Structure formats: structure tokens, C-alpha cells
């Protein structure tokens, strides 16, 4: 559904605008208390802020771990889907959060891909047909000098043709 809305919206707005506004209006993302504050025109860099608020305080008054995780959870996958060609499938495969210290202030995170990284991913997938990568995202204070937690997301990336053939083969074997 979200992809269909984005395709239609691109007739009127830039991809970066739709990415920022779409996430900020999405009920699933709003509940995390995170907000997208900046998106580069090429979608290679996305910045978010996680507000410290009564809505996400835990029992001891720091930011709830679920808010820490959910504020960064969708970005590595959704961002990659939007910057890599349509010949590829991208899925979340796993996640891990490492808490460093309790947060009693607004936190910030930056998600980025480079053109070189994307080209390396394309070449690896063409060679290996499917791969897994880990994207690590620290949540920091505004100055970026204190890390409160790090979220590691494992992403599965495959050639679309390979992925569909693999699924068809698996479905046939299950019959």
C-alpha cells in the first residue's frame, strides 16, 4: 500500500519530500515518537530525531527501549529499497539493539548509503545471487558525541529473478 501511494505521489512531489512526510504521517512510525527531520534529494541520507517525551518514558524515566528500536527499525530496508534498482529484493532478516546508557534527552540518528556501497552491493548480488549485510545505526545526542544505543539491522538482498525462482522451487517441493 505504501509503495502504491509513493508511486502516485511522485507525480506531484519529490521522492525525498514523500519519504519524509510519508514516514512522519504514518501511524506505525508516529507511535515510535521518532520524526524524519532531513532527507537528501537522492535518498542516500536520512536523519531522524527521537524526542524525549512523556509518551516514551519508561519506568525509570529514560526513553523506552521499544521507542529507541522502533524509531530506527524501518530505515535501512526502506531506504535501500528506494535507492537500489527494481531488479533487487530487500528484506529485513534480523535486528539487534545494544544499549549503552539511558537517554534523558532527544536522540538523533543518520542512515546513509553511498553510491560506492550501492555499486558494491549490486556486484555482490550479481555474483552470489543473494547476500546479507549488517547496517549499524547509533542513536546519539544532538552533538553526536554520546552514543546511547546502537541498532544493527541484518538485510537480505537478492536478484528478483533468483528470489522468485527459489520461491517457486520451494513451493513445488512442498506440494
N, C-alpha and C. Protein backbone atom coordinates (compact mmCIF):
# COMPACT_ATOMS: atom_id res chain seq x y z
N UNK A 1 0.81 -1.18 0.00
CA UNK A 1 0.00 0.00 0.00
C UNK A 1 0.87 1.26 0.00
N UNK A 2 1.89 1.30 0.88
CA UNK A 2 2.74 2.49 0.97
C UNK A 2 3.49 2.73 -0.34
N UNK A 3 3.92 1.65 -1.02
CA UNK A 3 4.62 1.81 -2.29
C UNK A 3 3.69 2.38 -3.36
N UNK A 4 2.43 1.96 -3.35
CA UNK A 4 1.47 2.48 -4.32
C UNK A 4 1.20 3.96 -4.10
N UNK A 5 1.07 4.35 -2.84
CA UNK A 5 0.87 5.77 -2.52
C UNK A 5 2.08 6.58 -2.97
N UNK A 6 3.29 6.04 -2.74
CA UNK A 6 4.52 6.75 -3.13
C UNK A 6 4.59 6.91 -4.65
N UNK A 7 4.24 5.87 -5.40
CA UNK A 7 4.27 5.97 -6.87
C UNK A 7 3.33 7.06 -7.37
N UNK A 8 2.13 7.11 -6.80
CA UNK A 8 1.17 8.14 -7.19
C UNK A 8 1.68 9.52 -6.76
N UNK A 9 2.19 9.62 -5.54
CA UNK A 9 2.66 10.89 -5.01
C UNK A 9 3.82 11.48 -5.79
N UNK A 10 4.63 10.62 -6.43
CA UNK A 10 5.78 11.10 -7.20
C UNK A 10 5.37 11.87 -8.44
N UNK A 11 4.10 11.79 -8.80
CA UNK A 11 3.61 12.60 -9.91
C UNK A 11 3.53 14.07 -9.51
N UNK A 12 3.44 14.32 -8.20
CA UNK A 12 3.27 15.69 -7.71
C UNK A 12 4.45 16.21 -6.87
N UNK A 13 5.14 15.29 -6.20
CA UNK A 13 6.17 15.69 -5.23
C UNK A 13 7.46 14.92 -5.46
N UNK A 14 8.56 15.42 -4.90
CA UNK A 14 9.84 14.72 -5.00
C UNK A 14 9.83 13.49 -4.10
N UNK A 15 10.68 12.53 -4.43
CA UNK A 15 10.79 11.32 -3.63
C UNK A 15 11.21 11.65 -2.20
N UNK A 16 12.13 12.59 -2.05
CA UNK A 16 12.62 12.95 -0.71
C UNK A 16 11.50 13.55 0.14
N UNK A 17 10.70 14.42 -0.46
CA UNK A 17 9.57 15.02 0.26
C UNK A 17 8.59 13.94 0.69
N UNK A 18 8.24 13.04 -0.22
CA UNK A 18 7.30 11.97 0.09
C UNK A 18 7.84 11.04 1.17
N UNK A 19 9.14 10.75 1.12
CA UNK A 19 9.77 9.88 2.11
C UNK A 19 9.62 10.51 3.50
N UNK A 20 9.98 11.78 3.62
CA UNK A 20 9.92 12.47 4.92
C UNK A 20 8.48 12.59 5.41
N UNK A 21 7.61 13.12 4.60
CA UNK A 21 6.22 13.35 5.01
C UNK A 21 5.50 12.01 5.21
N UNK A 22 5.76 11.05 4.33
CA UNK A 22 5.11 9.75 4.47
C UNK A 22 5.42 9.08 5.79
N UNK A 23 6.68 9.08 6.18
CA UNK A 23 7.03 8.49 7.47
C UNK A 23 6.43 9.29 8.62
N UNK A 24 6.54 10.61 8.55
CA UNK A 24 6.06 11.43 9.65
C UNK A 24 4.55 11.38 9.84
N UNK A 25 3.80 11.05 8.78
CA UNK A 25 2.35 10.93 8.89
C UNK A 25 1.90 9.49 9.15
N UNK A 26 2.77 8.53 8.93
CA UNK A 26 2.41 7.12 9.08
C UNK A 26 2.12 6.78 10.55
N UNK A 27 0.94 6.25 10.85
CA UNK A 27 0.63 5.90 12.24
C UNK A 27 1.62 4.93 12.86
N UNK A 28 2.10 3.97 12.07
CA UNK A 28 3.05 2.99 12.63
C UNK A 28 4.33 3.67 13.07
N UNK A 29 4.79 4.69 12.33
CA UNK A 29 6.03 5.36 12.71
C UNK A 29 5.80 6.43 13.77
N UNK A 30 4.70 7.13 13.71
CA UNK A 30 4.41 8.19 14.68
C UNK A 30 4.42 7.65 16.11
N UNK A 31 3.96 6.41 16.30
CA UNK A 31 3.91 5.83 17.65
C UNK A 31 5.29 5.65 18.26
N UNK A 32 6.34 5.63 17.45
CA UNK A 32 7.69 5.48 17.99
C UNK A 32 8.19 6.77 18.64
N UNK A 33 7.53 7.88 18.36
CA UNK A 33 7.94 9.24 18.78
C UNK A 33 9.12 9.74 17.96
N UNK A 34 9.52 9.00 16.93
CA UNK A 34 10.58 9.45 16.04
C UNK A 34 10.00 10.32 14.94
N UNK A 35 10.82 11.22 14.39
CA UNK A 35 10.41 12.06 13.27
C UNK A 35 11.57 12.16 12.29
N UNK A 36 11.26 12.06 11.02
CA UNK A 36 12.27 12.27 9.99
C UNK A 36 12.46 13.78 9.88
N UNK A 37 13.70 14.24 10.05
CA UNK A 37 13.95 15.68 10.02
C UNK A 37 14.68 16.13 8.76
N UNK A 38 15.30 15.18 8.05
CA UNK A 38 16.01 15.56 6.83
C UNK A 38 16.17 14.34 5.92
N UNK A 39 15.97 14.57 4.63
CA UNK A 39 16.19 13.52 3.62
C UNK A 39 16.91 14.18 2.44
N UNK A 40 18.03 13.61 2.03
CA UNK A 40 18.75 14.17 0.88
C UNK A 40 17.92 13.93 -0.39
N UNK A 41 18.07 14.77 -1.40
CA UNK A 41 17.28 14.61 -2.64
C UNK A 41 17.43 13.23 -3.29
N UNK A 42 18.61 12.60 -3.14
CA UNK A 42 18.84 11.28 -3.73
C UNK A 42 18.49 10.13 -2.78
N UNK A 43 17.96 10.44 -1.61
CA UNK A 43 17.56 9.48 -0.57
C UNK A 43 18.74 8.72 0.03
N UNK A 44 19.96 9.12 -0.27
CA UNK A 44 21.12 8.40 0.26
C UNK A 44 21.39 8.72 1.72
N UNK A 45 20.80 9.79 2.24
CA UNK A 45 20.98 10.13 3.65
C UNK A 45 19.64 10.56 4.24
N UNK A 46 19.32 9.96 5.40
CA UNK A 46 18.10 10.27 6.12
C UNK A 46 18.49 10.53 7.58
N UNK A 47 17.94 11.59 8.15
CA UNK A 47 18.19 11.91 9.56
C UNK A 47 16.88 11.94 10.31
N UNK A 48 16.93 11.37 11.53
CA UNK A 48 15.74 11.36 12.38
C UNK A 48 16.06 11.95 13.75
N UNK A 49 15.00 12.37 14.43
CA UNK A 49 15.10 12.80 15.83
C UNK A 49 14.08 11.98 16.62
N UNK A 50 14.50 11.46 17.75
CA UNK A 50 13.62 10.77 18.68
C UNK A 50 13.48 11.68 19.89
N UNK A 51 12.31 12.27 20.04
CA UNK A 51 12.08 13.20 21.15
C UNK A 51 11.98 12.45 22.48
N UNK A 52 12.50 13.08 23.49
CA UNK A 52 12.32 12.62 24.87
C UNK A 52 11.02 13.22 25.35
N UNK A 53 10.03 12.38 25.62
CA UNK A 53 8.68 12.87 25.89
C UNK A 53 7.98 11.96 26.89
N UNK A 54 6.93 12.47 27.46
CA UNK A 54 6.13 11.64 28.38
C UNK A 54 5.58 10.41 27.66
N UNK A 55 5.46 10.47 26.33
CA UNK A 55 4.90 9.36 25.55
C UNK A 55 5.85 8.16 25.46
N UNK A 56 7.15 8.39 25.69
CA UNK A 56 8.09 7.27 25.52
C UNK A 56 9.01 7.06 26.71
N UNK A 57 8.61 7.57 27.88
CA UNK A 57 9.41 7.34 29.09
C UNK A 57 9.08 5.97 29.65
N UNK A 58 10.11 5.30 30.14
CA UNK A 58 9.90 4.00 30.76
C UNK A 58 9.74 4.16 32.27
N UNK A 59 9.77 3.07 32.99
CA UNK A 59 9.53 3.06 34.44
C UNK A 59 10.51 3.95 35.20
N UNK A 60 11.75 4.05 34.73
CA UNK A 60 12.76 4.85 35.44
C UNK A 60 12.94 6.24 34.83
N UNK A 61 12.12 6.58 33.84
CA UNK A 61 12.13 7.93 33.30
C UNK A 61 13.01 8.15 32.08
N UNK A 62 13.71 7.12 31.62
CA UNK A 62 14.52 7.26 30.41
C UNK A 62 13.68 6.85 29.20
N UNK A 63 14.22 7.04 28.00
CA UNK A 63 13.47 6.65 26.80
C UNK A 63 13.33 5.13 26.76
N UNK A 64 12.10 4.69 26.57
CA UNK A 64 11.74 3.28 26.47
C UNK A 64 12.52 2.60 25.34
N UNK A 65 13.06 1.42 25.61
CA UNK A 65 13.85 0.70 24.62
C UNK A 65 13.09 0.41 23.34
N UNK A 66 11.79 0.17 23.45
CA UNK A 66 10.97 -0.07 22.26
C UNK A 66 10.92 1.15 21.35
N UNK A 67 10.91 2.33 21.94
CA UNK A 67 10.94 3.57 21.14
C UNK A 67 12.30 3.74 20.47
N UNK A 68 13.36 3.41 21.21
CA UNK A 68 14.70 3.50 20.63
C UNK A 68 14.78 2.63 19.38
N UNK A 69 14.31 1.39 19.51
CA UNK A 69 14.37 0.46 18.40
C UNK A 69 13.43 0.85 17.26
N UNK A 70 12.17 1.11 17.59
CA UNK A 70 11.19 1.35 16.53
C UNK A 70 11.43 2.65 15.78
N UNK A 71 12.14 3.59 16.39
CA UNK A 71 12.42 4.84 15.69
C UNK A 71 13.44 4.66 14.57
N UNK A 72 14.26 3.61 14.65
CA UNK A 72 15.26 3.38 13.60
C UNK A 72 14.96 2.14 12.76
N UNK A 73 14.07 1.29 13.22
CA UNK A 73 13.81 -0.01 12.59
C UNK A 73 13.56 0.03 11.08
N UNK A 74 12.66 0.86 10.54
CA UNK A 74 12.32 0.71 9.13
C UNK A 74 13.34 1.26 8.13
N UNK A 75 14.23 2.13 8.57
CA UNK A 75 15.00 2.91 7.61
C UNK A 75 16.03 2.16 6.78
N UNK A 76 16.86 1.29 7.35
CA UNK A 76 17.84 0.63 6.47
C UNK A 76 17.20 -0.11 5.30
N UNK A 77 16.08 -0.82 5.56
CA UNK A 77 15.43 -1.57 4.50
C UNK A 77 14.68 -0.66 3.52
N UNK A 78 13.83 0.22 4.03
CA UNK A 78 13.01 1.06 3.15
C UNK A 78 13.88 2.00 2.33
N UNK A 79 14.90 2.52 2.95
CA UNK A 79 15.82 3.41 2.23
C UNK A 79 16.51 2.65 1.09
N UNK A 80 17.02 1.44 1.39
CA UNK A 80 17.71 0.65 0.36
C UNK A 80 16.76 0.28 -0.77
N UNK A 81 15.54 -0.08 -0.45
CA UNK A 81 14.56 -0.40 -1.49
C UNK A 81 14.41 0.78 -2.45
N UNK A 82 14.46 1.99 -1.92
CA UNK A 82 14.25 3.18 -2.74
C UNK A 82 15.48 3.67 -3.48
N UNK A 83 16.67 3.19 -3.13
CA UNK A 83 17.88 3.67 -3.82
C UNK A 83 18.53 2.61 -4.70
N UNK A 84 18.10 1.37 -4.59
CA UNK A 84 18.66 0.31 -5.43
C UNK A 84 17.63 0.01 -6.53
N UNK A 85 18.05 -0.50 -7.63
CA UNK A 85 17.14 -0.75 -8.75
C UNK A 85 16.04 -1.74 -8.40
N UNK A 86 15.03 -1.76 -9.23
CA UNK A 86 13.89 -2.65 -9.01
C UNK A 86 14.22 -4.11 -9.33
N UNK A 87 15.43 -4.39 -9.79
CA UNK A 87 15.84 -5.77 -10.08
C UNK A 87 16.17 -6.54 -8.81
N UNK A 88 16.08 -5.88 -7.65
CA UNK A 88 16.51 -6.49 -6.39
C UNK A 88 15.37 -6.56 -5.38
N UNK A 89 15.43 -7.59 -4.55
CA UNK A 89 14.52 -7.78 -3.43
C UNK A 89 15.31 -7.42 -2.18
N UNK A 90 14.70 -6.67 -1.27
CA UNK A 90 15.34 -6.32 0.00
C UNK A 90 14.36 -6.65 1.13
N UNK A 91 14.84 -7.41 2.12
CA UNK A 91 14.02 -7.78 3.27
C UNK A 91 14.83 -7.58 4.54
N UNK A 92 14.13 -7.25 5.64
CA UNK A 92 14.76 -7.31 6.97
C UNK A 92 14.93 -8.77 7.33
N UNK A 93 16.07 -9.11 7.81
CA UNK A 93 16.33 -10.51 8.19
C UNK A 93 16.50 -10.65 9.70
N UNK A 94 17.04 -9.63 10.34
CA UNK A 94 17.25 -9.69 11.79
C UNK A 94 17.61 -8.33 12.34
N UNK A 95 17.59 -8.25 13.66
CA UNK A 95 17.93 -6.99 14.31
C UNK A 95 18.48 -7.26 15.70
N UNK A 96 19.32 -6.33 16.14
CA UNK A 96 19.89 -6.42 17.48
C UNK A 96 20.07 -4.99 17.99
N UNK A 97 19.75 -4.78 19.25
CA UNK A 97 19.95 -3.46 19.84
C UNK A 97 20.92 -3.61 21.01
N UNK A 98 21.89 -2.73 21.05
CA UNK A 98 22.87 -2.71 22.14
C UNK A 98 22.69 -1.41 22.91
N UNK A 99 22.20 -1.53 24.14
CA UNK A 99 22.00 -0.35 24.97
C UNK A 99 23.34 0.04 25.60
N UNK A 100 23.66 1.31 25.53
CA UNK A 100 24.91 1.81 26.11
C UNK A 100 24.66 2.60 27.39
N UNK A 101 23.68 3.51 27.36
CA UNK A 101 23.35 4.32 28.54
C UNK A 101 21.92 4.81 28.40
N UNK A 102 21.27 5.08 29.54
CA UNK A 102 19.90 5.58 29.49
C UNK A 102 19.84 6.97 28.87
N UNK A 103 18.77 7.24 28.14
CA UNK A 103 18.61 8.52 27.45
C UNK A 103 17.56 9.36 28.15
N UNK A 104 17.96 10.55 28.55
CA UNK A 104 17.06 11.52 29.16
C UNK A 104 17.03 12.80 28.34
N UNK A 105 17.22 12.68 27.03
CA UNK A 105 17.24 13.82 26.12
C UNK A 105 16.86 13.34 24.72
N UNK A 106 16.60 14.29 23.82
CA UNK A 106 16.31 13.93 22.43
C UNK A 106 17.51 13.21 21.83
N UNK A 107 17.24 12.22 20.98
CA UNK A 107 18.30 11.47 20.32
C UNK A 107 18.19 11.64 18.81
N UNK A 108 19.30 11.39 18.13
CA UNK A 108 19.39 11.59 16.68
C UNK A 108 20.08 10.38 16.04
N UNK A 109 19.69 10.09 14.81
CA UNK A 109 20.33 9.02 14.05
C UNK A 109 20.40 9.43 12.58
N UNK A 110 21.45 8.97 11.91
CA UNK A 110 21.62 9.21 10.48
C UNK A 110 21.77 7.87 9.79
N UNK A 111 21.03 7.70 8.72
CA UNK A 111 21.09 6.49 7.89
C UNK A 111 21.67 6.90 6.56
N UNK A 112 22.71 6.21 6.13
CA UNK A 112 23.29 6.62 4.85
C UNK A 112 23.81 5.43 4.06
N UNK A 113 23.72 5.60 2.76
CA UNK A 113 24.32 4.71 1.79
C UNK A 113 25.14 5.60 0.87
N UNK A 114 26.21 5.05 0.32
CA UNK A 114 26.98 5.79 -0.68
C UNK A 114 26.80 5.12 -2.03
N UNK A 115 27.08 5.85 -3.09
CA UNK A 115 26.99 5.25 -4.43
C UNK A 115 27.96 4.08 -4.54
N UNK A 116 29.14 4.20 -3.93
CA UNK A 116 30.12 3.12 -3.97
C UNK A 116 29.59 1.88 -3.25
N UNK A 117 28.95 2.09 -2.10
CA UNK A 117 28.37 0.97 -1.35
C UNK A 117 27.28 0.29 -2.16
N UNK A 118 26.42 1.07 -2.81
CA UNK A 118 25.36 0.50 -3.63
C UNK A 118 25.93 -0.30 -4.79
N UNK A 119 26.96 0.22 -5.43
CA UNK A 119 27.58 -0.50 -6.55
C UNK A 119 28.20 -1.80 -6.06
N UNK A 120 28.83 -1.77 -4.90
CA UNK A 120 29.41 -3.00 -4.33
C UNK A 120 28.32 -4.02 -4.04
N UNK A 121 27.19 -3.58 -3.50
CA UNK A 121 26.06 -4.48 -3.22
C UNK A 121 25.54 -5.09 -4.52
N UNK A 122 25.37 -4.26 -5.54
CA UNK A 122 24.89 -4.78 -6.84
C UNK A 122 25.82 -5.85 -7.38
N UNK A 123 27.12 -5.59 -7.34
CA UNK A 123 28.10 -6.54 -7.86
C UNK A 123 28.11 -7.84 -7.05
N UNK A 124 28.03 -7.72 -5.72
CA UNK A 124 28.00 -8.92 -4.89
C UNK A 124 26.76 -9.76 -5.17
N UNK A 125 25.61 -9.10 -5.31
CA UNK A 125 24.37 -9.83 -5.57
C UNK A 125 24.41 -10.47 -6.95
N UNK A 126 24.93 -9.78 -7.94
CA UNK A 126 25.03 -10.37 -9.28
C UNK A 126 25.91 -11.61 -9.26
N UNK A 127 26.95 -11.58 -8.44
CA UNK A 127 27.87 -12.71 -8.34
C UNK A 127 27.30 -13.84 -7.47
N UNK A 128 26.76 -13.49 -6.31
CA UNK A 128 26.32 -14.50 -5.33
C UNK A 128 24.83 -14.79 -5.36
N UNK A 129 24.05 -14.01 -6.11
CA UNK A 129 22.59 -14.14 -6.27
C UNK A 129 21.80 -13.65 -5.05
N UNK A 130 22.31 -13.86 -3.84
CA UNK A 130 21.67 -13.33 -2.64
C UNK A 130 22.75 -13.13 -1.57
N UNK A 131 22.58 -12.06 -0.79
CA UNK A 131 23.57 -11.75 0.25
C UNK A 131 22.85 -11.21 1.48
N UNK A 132 23.60 -11.12 2.57
CA UNK A 132 23.14 -10.45 3.77
C UNK A 132 24.18 -9.39 4.15
N UNK A 133 23.68 -8.25 4.59
CA UNK A 133 24.57 -7.20 5.09
C UNK A 133 24.05 -6.74 6.45
N UNK A 134 24.91 -6.13 7.23
CA UNK A 134 24.51 -5.55 8.51
C UNK A 134 24.75 -4.05 8.45
N UNK A 135 23.70 -3.29 8.72
CA UNK A 135 23.80 -1.83 8.82
C UNK A 135 23.67 -1.46 10.30
N UNK A 136 24.66 -0.76 10.82
CA UNK A 136 24.65 -0.33 12.22
C UNK A 136 24.29 1.15 12.30
N UNK A 137 23.39 1.46 13.22
CA UNK A 137 22.95 2.84 13.40
C UNK A 137 23.05 3.23 14.86
N UNK A 138 23.92 4.18 15.19
CA UNK A 138 23.95 4.67 16.57
C UNK A 138 22.89 5.75 16.80
N UNK A 139 22.29 5.75 17.96
CA UNK A 139 21.43 6.85 18.39
C UNK A 139 22.27 7.70 19.33
N UNK A 140 22.41 8.97 19.00
CA UNK A 140 23.31 9.86 19.74
C UNK A 140 22.57 11.11 20.22
N UNK A 141 23.28 11.90 21.02
CA UNK A 141 22.76 13.22 21.37
C UNK A 141 22.90 14.13 20.15
N UNK A 142 22.43 15.36 20.26
CA UNK A 142 22.45 16.27 19.10
C UNK A 142 23.87 16.53 18.61
N UNK A 143 24.81 16.67 19.53
CA UNK A 143 26.21 16.93 19.16
C UNK A 143 26.88 15.71 18.53
N UNK A 144 26.30 14.52 18.77
CA UNK A 144 26.87 13.30 18.22
C UNK A 144 28.03 12.73 19.01
N UNK A 145 28.28 13.29 20.20
CA UNK A 145 29.44 12.83 20.97
C UNK A 145 29.10 11.80 22.06
N UNK A 146 27.81 11.50 22.25
CA UNK A 146 27.39 10.47 23.20
C UNK A 146 26.52 9.45 22.47
N UNK A 147 26.87 8.19 22.55
CA UNK A 147 26.09 7.12 21.93
C UNK A 147 25.26 6.44 23.02
N UNK A 148 23.95 6.41 22.85
CA UNK A 148 23.05 5.83 23.83
C UNK A 148 22.69 4.38 23.51
N UNK A 149 22.63 4.06 22.23
CA UNK A 149 22.43 2.67 21.82
C UNK A 149 22.82 2.54 20.35
N UNK A 150 23.03 1.30 19.93
CA UNK A 150 23.34 1.00 18.53
C UNK A 150 22.38 -0.09 18.08
N UNK A 151 21.74 0.14 16.94
CA UNK A 151 20.84 -0.86 16.37
C UNK A 151 21.51 -1.44 15.12
N UNK A 152 21.67 -2.76 15.12
CA UNK A 152 22.22 -3.48 13.96
C UNK A 152 21.07 -4.16 13.24
N UNK A 153 20.91 -3.83 11.96
CA UNK A 153 19.88 -4.45 11.15
C UNK A 153 20.54 -5.34 10.10
N UNK A 154 20.14 -6.59 10.04
CA UNK A 154 20.61 -7.51 9.01
C UNK A 154 19.61 -7.49 7.87
N UNK A 155 20.11 -7.18 6.67
CA UNK A 155 19.26 -7.10 5.49
C UNK A 155 19.61 -8.22 4.52
N UNK A 156 18.58 -8.79 3.93
CA UNK A 156 18.71 -9.80 2.88
C UNK A 156 18.49 -9.09 1.56
N UNK A 157 19.41 -9.28 0.61
CA UNK A 157 19.30 -8.66 -0.72
C UNK A 157 19.51 -9.75 -1.76
N UNK A 158 18.61 -9.82 -2.73
CA UNK A 158 18.71 -10.85 -3.77
C UNK A 158 18.26 -10.30 -5.11
N UNK A 159 18.71 -10.97 -6.17
CA UNK A 159 18.19 -10.65 -7.50
C UNK A 159 16.73 -11.09 -7.53
N UNK A 160 15.88 -10.29 -8.10
CA UNK A 160 14.45 -10.59 -8.14
C UNK A 160 14.18 -11.91 -8.86
N UNK A 161 14.84 -12.13 -10.01
CA UNK A 161 14.63 -13.37 -10.76
C UNK A 161 15.04 -14.59 -9.93
N UNK A 162 16.19 -14.49 -9.29
CA UNK A 162 16.69 -15.60 -8.45
C UNK A 162 15.72 -15.86 -7.30
N UNK A 163 15.26 -14.80 -6.65
CA UNK A 163 14.37 -14.93 -5.50
C UNK A 163 13.06 -15.59 -5.90
N UNK A 164 12.48 -15.15 -7.02
CA UNK A 164 11.21 -15.73 -7.48
C UNK A 164 11.37 -17.19 -7.87
N UNK A 165 12.48 -17.53 -8.54
CA UNK A 165 12.74 -18.92 -8.92
C UNK A 165 12.92 -19.79 -7.68
N UNK A 166 13.62 -19.27 -6.69
CA UNK A 166 13.85 -20.01 -5.44
C UNK A 166 12.53 -20.27 -4.72
N UNK A 167 11.65 -19.26 -4.68
CA UNK A 167 10.34 -19.43 -4.03
C UNK A 167 9.47 -20.43 -4.79
N UNK A 168 9.51 -20.37 -6.11
CA UNK A 168 8.72 -21.30 -6.93
C UNK A 168 9.19 -22.74 -6.71
N UNK A 169 10.51 -22.92 -6.66
CA UNK A 169 11.09 -24.24 -6.43
C UNK A 169 10.68 -24.77 -5.04
N UNK A 170 10.71 -23.90 -4.04
CA UNK A 170 10.34 -24.29 -2.69
C UNK A 170 8.86 -24.65 -2.63
N UNK A 171 8.00 -23.86 -3.30
CA UNK A 171 6.57 -24.13 -3.32
C UNK A 171 6.27 -25.46 -3.99
N UNK A 172 6.98 -25.74 -5.08
CA UNK A 172 6.79 -27.00 -5.80
C UNK A 172 7.21 -28.18 -4.93
N UNK A 173 8.28 -28.01 -4.19
CA UNK A 173 8.78 -29.09 -3.31
C UNK A 173 7.83 -29.37 -2.16
N UNK A 174 7.09 -28.34 -1.73
CA UNK A 174 6.16 -28.51 -0.60
C UNK A 174 4.85 -29.17 -1.01
N UNK A 175 4.58 -29.27 -2.31
CA UNK A 175 3.32 -29.88 -2.79
C UNK A 175 3.33 -31.36 -2.69
